[in-house]
Amino acid sequence: KKGKEALTEEVRRLIRSSLGNRAKEGLIVDFIQQTNLDDMPDKASIIDAFFTYAQREQQREAEALIKEENLNEEAARRYIRTSLKREYATENGTELNETLPKLSPLNPQYKTKKQTVFQKIGAFIEKFKGVGGHL
């Protein structure tokens, strides 16, 4: 039996060797820290528990991001859902603009706000793509 620290180190090594999973490192490590893995009868149970945990975190972080950036909730959820489906966020089209709080495109803060929101949503997509769930 491995202790949590040894398991965490092994998981970190595996994640870092896989470019596609690097964004999920914190999510996986937090799951290990917060879960009593000894209570899990088998690997399938651990995987199920991880997806349940990740989907809960996805909901929580999406709500926090929308609130923190003062986004249009419905448009933001739609944009995030679409981005999760295609597994990346894009600045093309009007979807991203529709998520932004009412600022004139002429306002100098508009471009900065758009970039900030785009970067945050991009990081969110990297972290949560492939975990399923509903937003």
Protein backbone atom coordinates (compact mmCIF):
# COMPACT_ATOMS: atom_id res chain seq x y z
CA LYS A 1 0.00 0.00 0.00
CA LYS A 2 1.26 3.42 -0.95
CA GLY A 3 0.85 6.45 1.25
CA LYS A 4 -0.85 9.55 -0.12
CA GLU A 5 2.48 11.36 -0.50
CA ALA A 6 4.04 8.56 -2.57
CA LEU A 7 0.87 8.30 -4.64
CA THR A 8 0.73 12.06 -5.15
CA GLU A 9 4.37 12.10 -6.31
CA GLU A 10 3.77 9.23 -8.72
CA VAL A 11 0.65 10.92 -10.10
CA ARG A 12 2.50 14.23 -10.52
CA ARG A 13 5.26 12.44 -12.47
CA LEU A 14 2.72 10.72 -14.73
CA ILE A 15 0.81 13.95 -15.34
CA ARG A 16 3.91 15.96 -16.14
CA SER A 17 4.97 13.39 -18.72
CA SER A 18 1.62 13.82 -20.48
CA LEU A 19 1.18 17.27 -21.97
CA GLY A 20 -2.60 16.89 -22.31
CA ASN A 21 -3.08 16.29 -18.60
CA ARG A 22 -0.81 18.97 -17.12
CA ALA A 23 -3.72 21.35 -16.61
CA LYS A 24 -5.49 18.67 -14.57
CA GLU A 25 -2.63 18.20 -12.09
CA GLY A 26 -4.15 20.35 -9.34
CA LEU A 27 -7.55 18.76 -9.82
CA ILE A 28 -6.17 15.21 -9.52
CA VAL A 29 -3.88 16.00 -6.59
CA ASP A 30 -6.73 17.76 -4.72
CA PHE A 31 -8.93 14.71 -5.34
CA ILE A 32 -6.27 12.38 -3.88
CA GLN A 33 -5.79 14.65 -0.84
CA GLN A 34 -9.54 14.87 -0.14
CA THR A 35 -10.46 11.24 -0.79
CA ASN A 36 -10.04 8.19 1.40
CA LEU A 37 -8.76 5.88 -1.33
CA ASP A 38 -8.66 2.93 1.09
CA ASP A 39 -12.48 3.01 1.10
CA MET A 40 -12.54 2.41 -2.65
CA PRO A 41 -13.02 -1.27 -3.55
CA ASP A 42 -11.35 -1.04 -6.98
CA LYS A 43 -9.85 1.22 -9.66
CA ALA A 44 -13.24 1.69 -11.38
CA SER A 45 -14.64 3.14 -8.14
CA ILE A 46 -11.71 5.55 -7.86
CA ILE A 47 -12.23 6.68 -11.48
CA ASP A 48 -15.99 7.15 -10.92
CA ALA A 49 -15.30 9.11 -7.73
CA PHE A 50 -12.76 11.29 -9.56
CA PHE A 51 -15.23 12.17 -12.36
CA THR A 52 -17.92 13.00 -9.79
CA TYR A 53 -15.42 15.19 -7.92
CA ALA A 54 -14.18 16.86 -11.14
CA GLN A 55 -17.73 17.62 -12.31
CA ARG A 56 -18.56 19.22 -8.94
CA GLU A 57 -15.39 21.32 -9.13
CA GLN A 58 -16.22 22.27 -12.72
CA GLN A 59 -19.62 23.60 -11.61
CA ARG A 60 -18.11 25.46 -8.67
CA GLU A 61 -15.28 27.02 -10.68
CA ALA A 62 -17.57 27.99 -13.58
CA GLU A 63 -19.88 29.82 -11.15
CA ALA A 64 -16.90 31.52 -9.47
CA LEU A 65 -15.44 32.62 -12.83
CA ILE A 66 -18.77 34.03 -14.04
CA LYS A 67 -19.26 35.92 -10.76
CA GLU A 68 -15.64 37.10 -10.46
CA GLU A 69 -15.55 38.50 -14.01
CA ASN A 70 -19.16 39.75 -13.83
CA LEU A 71 -20.05 37.82 -17.01
CA ASN A 72 -23.42 37.43 -18.67
CA GLU A 73 -24.29 34.10 -17.04
CA GLU A 74 -26.30 32.47 -19.81
CA ALA A 75 -23.89 33.48 -22.59
CA ALA A 76 -20.87 32.48 -20.48
CA ARG A 77 -22.30 29.02 -19.72
CA ARG A 78 -23.12 28.53 -23.41
CA TYR A 79 -19.61 29.61 -24.47
CA ILE A 80 -17.96 27.37 -21.85
CA ARG A 81 -20.16 24.38 -22.83
CA THR A 82 -19.31 24.85 -26.52
CA SER A 83 -15.61 25.24 -25.72
CA LEU A 84 -15.60 22.10 -23.54
CA LYS A 85 -17.26 20.16 -26.36
CA ARG A 86 -14.63 21.19 -28.90
CA GLU A 87 -11.92 21.03 -26.19
CA TYR A 88 -10.57 24.56 -26.68
CA ALA A 89 -11.71 28.17 -26.34
CA THR A 90 -11.65 30.49 -29.36
CA GLU A 91 -11.82 34.25 -29.81
CA ASN A 92 -13.42 33.87 -33.25
CA GLY A 93 -17.10 34.67 -33.68
CA THR A 94 -19.27 36.60 -31.25
CA GLU A 95 -19.63 33.98 -28.49
CA LEU A 96 -16.82 35.38 -26.32
CA ASN A 97 -18.01 38.99 -26.74
CA GLU A 98 -21.52 37.99 -25.62
CA THR A 99 -20.15 36.75 -22.28
CA LEU A 100 -18.57 40.12 -21.42
CA PRO A 101 -20.18 42.68 -19.13
CA LYS A 102 -21.66 45.68 -20.92
CA LEU A 103 -18.64 47.74 -21.96
CA SER A 104 -18.35 49.70 -25.16
CA PRO A 105 -15.82 48.15 -27.57
CA LEU A 106 -14.36 51.69 -27.63
CA ASN A 107 -13.71 51.58 -23.89
CA PRO A 108 -9.96 50.90 -23.39
CA GLN A 109 -10.83 48.33 -20.69
CA TYR A 110 -12.88 46.30 -23.18
CA LYS A 111 -9.90 44.67 -24.91
CA THR A 112 -8.15 43.97 -21.59
CA LYS A 113 -11.32 42.47 -20.12
CA LYS A 114 -11.84 40.32 -23.22
CA GLN A 115 -8.24 39.02 -23.04
CA THR A 116 -8.50 38.29 -19.30
CA VAL A 117 -11.79 36.43 -19.72
CA PHE A 118 -10.46 34.52 -22.74
CA GLN A 119 -7.33 33.42 -20.84
CA LYS A 120 -9.32 32.35 -17.77
CA ILE A 121 -11.86 30.41 -19.81
CA GLY A 122 -9.04 28.85 -21.86
CA ALA A 123 -7.35 27.62 -18.65
CA PHE A 124 -10.72 26.36 -17.37
CA ILE A 125 -11.25 24.37 -20.60
CA GLU A 126 -7.76 22.83 -20.39
CA LYS A 127 -8.45 21.77 -16.82
CA PHE A 128 -11.93 20.35 -17.31
CA LYS A 129 -12.10 19.06 -20.89
CA GLY A 130 -12.95 15.39 -20.91
CA VAL A 131 -14.42 15.23 -17.40
CA GLY A 132 -18.05 15.37 -18.59
CA GLY A 133 -20.77 16.95 -16.50
CA HIS A 134 -23.33 19.64 -17.25
CA LEU A 135 -23.04 23.40 -16.95
